[in-house]
């Protein structure tokens, strides 16, 4: 069976376009999941600085490993400059959310790289929350595909990059 992104996406878009409540939930879910990761990461910082001070080594890991992931993704996105699905000439993709100002820099997904590295950051300190966030990152990936703003390969690459860089927390 040949992979056909346009057909796969259009089937998904047709499903959501035919169900306005499901479409709205998808859009809100994307926003809520995105905010969840950044709120959790900020909460981790606040908690560790105010209530459960960690050693400097752990604080450095919590700060620099996610920053490294963000830097790596940003450099890759600029270097590769892959167009978003809706920006491809003749692709026939109409995203379910407003198009971003940029048509390029789709690969790898910054949302998924940040989400997965934040989840990895929690694992050594708060494993249950880390695993819950890893699961939520998969849901975020689905929303990014279903909304038409990323190819599946963008999402897999971003998620994998975040996991791999997040692993540094365990080995440093």
C-alpha atoms as a PDB file:
ATOM      1  CA  UNK A   1       0.000   0.000   0.000  1.00  0.00           C
ATOM      2  CA  UNK A   2       1.432   3.339  -1.038  1.00  0.00           C
ATOM      3  CA  UNK A   3       1.454   6.178   1.465  1.00  0.00           C
ATOM      4  CA  UNK A   4      -0.595   9.102   0.178  1.00  0.00           C
ATOM      5  CA  UNK A   5      -0.458  12.022   2.592  1.00  0.00           C
ATOM      6  CA  UNK A   6      -2.988  14.175   0.733  1.00  0.00           C
ATOM      7  CA  UNK A   7      -5.639  11.455   0.709  1.00  0.00           C
ATOM      8  CA  UNK A   8      -4.965  10.573   4.342  1.00  0.00           C
ATOM      9  CA  UNK A   9      -5.140  14.205   5.439  1.00  0.00           C
ATOM     10  CA  UNK A  10      -8.237  14.990   3.372  1.00  0.00           C
ATOM     11  CA  UNK A  11     -10.095  12.024   4.903  1.00  0.00           C
ATOM     12  CA  UNK A  12      -9.207  13.347   8.339  1.00  0.00           C
ATOM     13  CA  UNK A  13     -10.190  16.914   7.408  1.00  0.00           C
ATOM     14  CA  UNK A  14     -13.501  15.709   5.931  1.00  0.00           C
ATOM     15  CA  UNK A  15     -14.258  13.927   9.200  1.00  0.00           C
ATOM     16  CA  UNK A  16     -13.677  17.078  11.269  1.00  0.00           C
ATOM     17  CA  UNK A  17     -15.325  19.448   8.788  1.00  0.00           C
ATOM     18  CA  UNK A  18     -18.471  17.302   8.913  1.00  0.00           C
ATOM     19  CA  UNK A  19     -18.463  17.476  12.722  1.00  0.00           C
ATOM     20  CA  UNK A  20     -18.096  21.086  13.901  1.00  0.00           C
ATOM     21  CA  UNK A  21     -17.959  20.143  17.587  1.00  0.00           C
ATOM     22  CA  UNK A  22     -15.183  17.604  16.971  1.00  0.00           C
ATOM     23  CA  UNK A  23     -13.320  20.186  14.877  1.00  0.00           C
ATOM     24  CA  UNK A  24     -13.586  22.751  17.650  1.00  0.00           C
ATOM     25  CA  UNK A  25     -12.394  20.186  20.206  1.00  0.00           C
ATOM     26  CA  UNK A  26      -9.408  19.400  17.980  1.00  0.00           C
ATOM     27  CA  UNK A  27      -8.459  23.082  17.711  1.00  0.00           C
ATOM     28  CA  UNK A  28      -8.934  23.680  21.440  1.00  0.00           C
ATOM     29  CA  UNK A  29      -7.098  20.434  22.228  1.00  0.00           C
ATOM     30  CA  UNK A  30      -4.096  21.601  20.223  1.00  0.00           C
ATOM     31  CA  UNK A  31      -3.994  24.847  22.197  1.00  0.00           C
ATOM     32  CA  UNK A  32      -4.597  23.217  25.579  1.00  0.00           C
ATOM     33  CA  UNK A  33      -1.942  20.550  25.016  1.00  0.00           C
ATOM     34  CA  UNK A  34       0.577  23.143  23.862  1.00  0.00           C
ATOM     35  CA  UNK A  35      -0.092  25.274  26.935  1.00  0.00           C
ATOM     36  CA  UNK A  36       0.042  22.190  29.172  1.00  0.00           C
ATOM     37  CA  UNK A  37       3.670  21.510  28.313  1.00  0.00           C
ATOM     38  CA  UNK A  38       4.867  25.043  28.847  1.00  0.00           C
ATOM     39  CA  UNK A  39       2.854  25.392  32.051  1.00  0.00           C
ATOM     40  CA  UNK A  40       4.252  22.118  33.395  1.00  0.00           C
ATOM     41  CA  UNK A  41       7.784  23.153  32.492  1.00  0.00           C
ATOM     42  CA  UNK A  42       7.336  26.525  34.222  1.00  0.00           C
ATOM     43  CA  UNK A  43       5.789  24.740  37.178  1.00  0.00           C
ATOM     44  CA  UNK A  44       8.770  22.402  37.391  1.00  0.00           C
ATOM     45  CA  UNK A  45      11.055  25.416  37.568  1.00  0.00           C
ATOM     46  CA  UNK A  46       8.954  27.153  40.205  1.00  0.00           C
ATOM     47  CA  UNK A  47       8.609  24.001  42.295  1.00  0.00           C
ATOM     48  CA  UNK A  48      12.279  23.083  42.201  1.00  0.00           C
ATOM     49  CA  UNK A  49      13.460  26.617  42.925  1.00  0.00           C
ATOM     50  CA  UNK A  50      10.986  27.406  45.691  1.00  0.00           C
ATOM     51  CA  UNK A  51       9.872  24.188  47.348  1.00  0.00           C
ATOM     52  CA  UNK A  52      12.220  21.352  46.501  1.00  0.00           C
ATOM     53  CA  UNK A  53      15.612  22.819  45.758  1.00  0.00           C
ATOM     54  CA  UNK A  54      17.761  20.516  43.673  1.00  0.00           C
ATOM     55  CA  UNK A  55      21.484  20.454  43.256  1.00  0.00           C
ATOM     56  CA  UNK A  56      22.950  22.829  40.683  1.00  0.00           C
ATOM     57  CA  UNK A  57      23.656  19.866  38.379  1.00  0.00           C
ATOM     58  CA  UNK A  58      19.947  18.966  38.229  1.00  0.00           C
ATOM     59  CA  UNK A  59      18.912  22.582  37.734  1.00  0.00           C
ATOM     60  CA  UNK A  60      21.367  22.881  34.843  1.00  0.00           C
ATOM     61  CA  UNK A  61      19.886  19.744  33.270  1.00  0.00           C
ATOM     62  CA  UNK A  62      16.352  21.078  33.650  1.00  0.00           C
ATOM     63  CA  UNK A  63      17.357  24.319  31.937  1.00  0.00           C
ATOM     64  CA  UNK A  64      19.908  23.372  29.314  1.00  0.00           C
ATOM     65  CA  UNK A  65      18.611  20.082  27.955  1.00  0.00           C
ATOM     66  CA  UNK A  66      15.292  21.605  26.759  1.00  0.00           C
ATOM     67  CA  UNK A  67      17.174  24.654  25.474  1.00  0.00           C
ATOM     68  CA  UNK A  68      19.480  22.342  23.526  1.00  0.00           C
ATOM     69  CA  UNK A  69      16.458  20.661  21.945  1.00  0.00           C
ATOM     70  CA  UNK A  70      14.941  24.013  21.005  1.00  0.00           C
ATOM     71  CA  UNK A  71      18.235  25.156  19.492  1.00  0.00           C
ATOM     72  CA  UNK A  72      18.720  21.903  17.557  1.00  0.00           C
ATOM     73  CA  UNK A  73      15.185  22.016  16.138  1.00  0.00           C
ATOM     74  CA  UNK A  74      15.517  25.667  15.188  1.00  0.00           C
ATOM     75  CA  UNK A  75      18.802  25.062  13.351  1.00  0.00           C
ATOM     76  CA  UNK A  76      17.394  22.007  11.546  1.00  0.00           C
ATOM     77  CA  UNK A  77      14.229  23.848  10.525  1.00  0.00           C
ATOM     78  CA  UNK A  78      16.237  26.710   9.066  1.00  0.00           C
ATOM     79  CA  UNK A  79      18.700  24.395   7.313  1.00  0.00           C
ATOM     80  CA  UNK A  80      16.058  22.065   5.841  1.00  0.00           C
ATOM     81  CA  UNK A  81      13.325  24.690   5.300  1.00  0.00           C
ATOM     82  CA  UNK A  82      10.681  22.141   4.359  1.00  0.00           C
ATOM     83  CA  UNK A  83       7.376  23.635   3.305  1.00  0.00           C
ATOM     84  CA  UNK A  84       4.300  22.987   5.346  1.00  0.00           C
ATOM     85  CA  UNK A  85       1.748  20.625   3.757  1.00  0.00           C
ATOM     86  CA  UNK A  86      -0.607  23.440   2.790  1.00  0.00           C
ATOM     87  CA  UNK A  87       2.231  25.432   1.193  1.00  0.00           C
ATOM     88  CA  UNK A  88       3.243  22.737  -1.294  1.00  0.00           C
ATOM     89  CA  UNK A  89       2.313  23.711  -4.838  1.00  0.00           C
ATOM     90  CA  UNK A  90      -0.829  21.861  -5.890  1.00  0.00           C
ATOM     91  CA  UNK A  91      -1.019  19.872  -2.651  1.00  0.00           C
ATOM     92  CA  UNK A  92      -4.710  20.514  -2.128  1.00  0.00           C
ATOM     93  CA  UNK A  93      -4.322  20.831   1.633  1.00  0.00           C
ATOM     94  CA  UNK A  94      -6.606  23.236   3.459  1.00  0.00           C
ATOM     95  CA  UNK A  95      -5.553  23.309   7.135  1.00  0.00           C
ATOM     96  CA  UNK A  96      -8.254  23.283   9.783  1.00  0.00           C
ATOM     97  CA  UNK A  97      -6.633  26.239  11.570  1.00  0.00           C
ATOM     98  CA  UNK A  98      -5.419  29.555  10.234  1.00  0.00           C
ATOM     99  CA  UNK A  99      -2.280  29.238   8.142  1.00  0.00           C
ATOM    100  CA  UNK A 100       0.915  30.336   9.796  1.00  0.00           C
ATOM    101  CA  UNK A 101       2.784  33.316   8.403  1.00  0.00           C
ATOM    102  CA  UNK A 102       5.667  31.080   7.419  1.00  0.00           C
ATOM    103  CA  UNK A 103       5.310  28.505   4.683  1.00  0.00           C
ATOM    104  CA  UNK A 104       8.627  26.795   5.435  1.00  0.00           C
ATOM    105  CA  UNK A 105      10.354  25.393   8.467  1.00  0.00           C
ATOM    106  CA  UNK A 106       7.979  22.492   8.954  1.00  0.00           C
ATOM    107  CA  UNK A 107      10.598  19.792   9.594  1.00  0.00           C
ATOM    108  CA  UNK A 108      11.038  18.794  12.378  1.00  0.00           C
ATOM    109  CA  UNK A 109       8.035  19.801  14.438  1.00  0.00           C
ATOM    110  CA  UNK A 110       9.036  22.269  17.145  1.00  0.00           C
ATOM    111  CA  UNK A 111       5.843  21.537  19.096  1.00  0.00           C
ATOM    112  CA  UNK A 112       6.662  17.843  19.317  1.00  0.00           C
ATOM    113  CA  UNK A 113      10.370  18.295  20.021  1.00  0.00           C
ATOM    114  CA  UNK A 114       9.603  20.667  22.894  1.00  0.00           C
ATOM    115  CA  UNK A 115       6.771  18.510  24.238  1.00  0.00           C
ATOM    116  CA  UNK A 116       8.809  15.317  24.254  1.00  0.00           C
ATOM    117  CA  UNK A 117      11.937  16.907  25.751  1.00  0.00           C
ATOM    118  CA  UNK A 118       9.814  18.505  28.488  1.00  0.00           C
ATOM    119  CA  UNK A 119       8.285  15.093  29.213  1.00  0.00           C
ATOM    120  CA  UNK A 120      11.774  13.584  29.351  1.00  0.00           C
ATOM    121  CA  UNK A 121      12.842  16.347  31.731  1.00  0.00           C
ATOM    122  CA  UNK A 122      10.181  15.218  34.199  1.00  0.00           C
ATOM    123  CA  UNK A 123      11.021  11.505  34.089  1.00  0.00           C
ATOM    124  CA  UNK A 124      13.970  11.388  36.520  1.00  0.00           C
ATOM    125  CA  UNK A 125      12.304  13.715  39.038  1.00  0.00           C
ATOM    126  CA  UNK A 126       8.572  12.947  38.705  1.00  0.00           C
ATOM    127  CA  UNK A 127       8.205   9.747  36.630  1.00  0.00           C
ATOM    128  CA  UNK A 128       4.409   9.471  36.681  1.00  0.00           C
ATOM    129  CA  UNK A 129       4.018  13.000  35.337  1.00  0.00           C
ATOM    130  CA  UNK A 130       6.805  12.405  32.808  1.00  0.00           C
ATOM    131  CA  UNK A 131       5.049   9.346  31.384  1.00  0.00           C
ATOM    132  CA  UNK A 132       1.707  11.175  31.331  1.00  0.00           C
ATOM    133  CA  UNK A 133       3.347  14.013  29.408  1.00  0.00           C
ATOM    134  CA  UNK A 134       4.890  11.552  26.933  1.00  0.00           C
ATOM    135  CA  UNK A 135       1.383  10.257  26.262  1.00  0.00           C
ATOM    136  CA  UNK A 136       0.083  13.800  25.916  1.00  0.00           C
ATOM    137  CA  UNK A 137       2.878  14.542  23.437  1.00  0.00           C
ATOM    138  CA  UNK A 138       1.565  11.770  21.189  1.00  0.00           C
ATOM    139  CA  UNK A 139      -1.899  13.360  21.343  1.00  0.00           C
ATOM    140  CA  UNK A 140      -0.357  16.722  20.478  1.00  0.00           C
ATOM    141  CA  UNK A 141       1.290  15.095  17.456  1.00  0.00           C
ATOM    142  CA  UNK A 142      -2.061  13.789  16.304  1.00  0.00           C
ATOM    143  CA  UNK A 143      -3.633  17.234  16.593  1.00  0.00           C
ATOM    144  CA  UNK A 144      -0.814  18.809  14.574  1.00  0.00           C
ATOM    145  CA  UNK A 145      -1.363  16.241  11.785  1.00  0.00           C
ATOM    146  CA  UNK A 146      -5.165  16.459  11.897  1.00  0.00           C
ATOM    147  CA  UNK A 147      -5.022  20.256  11.703  1.00  0.00           C
ATOM    148  CA  UNK A 148      -2.946  20.033   8.513  1.00  0.00           C
ATOM    149  CA  UNK A 149       0.128  21.929   9.689  1.00  0.00           C
ATOM    150  CA  UNK A 150       2.653  19.061   9.628  1.00  0.00           C
ATOM    151  CA  UNK A 151       3.502  15.942   7.718  1.00  0.00           C
ATOM    152  CA  UNK A 152       3.722  12.781   9.851  1.00  0.00           C
ATOM    153  CA  UNK A 153       7.492  12.699   9.212  1.00  0.00           C
ATOM    154  CA  UNK A 154       7.790  16.210  10.720  1.00  0.00           C
ATOM    155  CA  UNK A 155       6.064  14.960  13.844  1.00  0.00           C
ATOM    156  CA  UNK A 156       8.021  11.726  14.181  1.00  0.00           C
ATOM    157  CA  UNK A 157      11.309  13.588  13.682  1.00  0.00           C
ATOM    158  CA  UNK A 158      10.428  16.283  16.221  1.00  0.00           C
ATOM    159  CA  UNK A 159       9.215  13.770  18.798  1.00  0.00           C
ATOM    160  CA  UNK A 160      12.279  11.557  18.301  1.00  0.00           C
ATOM    161  CA  UNK A 161      14.672  14.487  18.504  1.00  0.00           C
ATOM    162  CA  UNK A 162      13.099  15.606  21.783  1.00  0.00           C
ATOM    163  CA  UNK A 163      13.316  12.076  23.203  1.00  0.00           C
ATOM    164  CA  UNK A 164      16.954  11.647  22.145  1.00  0.00           C
ATOM    165  CA  UNK A 165      18.079  15.007  23.485  1.00  0.00           C
ATOM    166  CA  UNK A 166      15.956  14.492  26.599  1.00  0.00           C
ATOM    167  CA  UNK A 167      17.857  11.289  27.239  1.00  0.00           C
ATOM    168  CA  UNK A 168      20.847  13.495  28.071  1.00  0.00           C
ATOM    169  CA  UNK A 169      19.166  14.180  31.415  1.00  0.00           C
ATOM    170  CA  UNK A 170      19.825  10.564  32.351  1.00  0.00           C
ATOM    171  CA  UNK A 171      23.422  10.339  31.168  1.00  0.00           C
ATOM    172  CA  UNK A 172      24.876  13.700  32.195  1.00  0.00           C
END
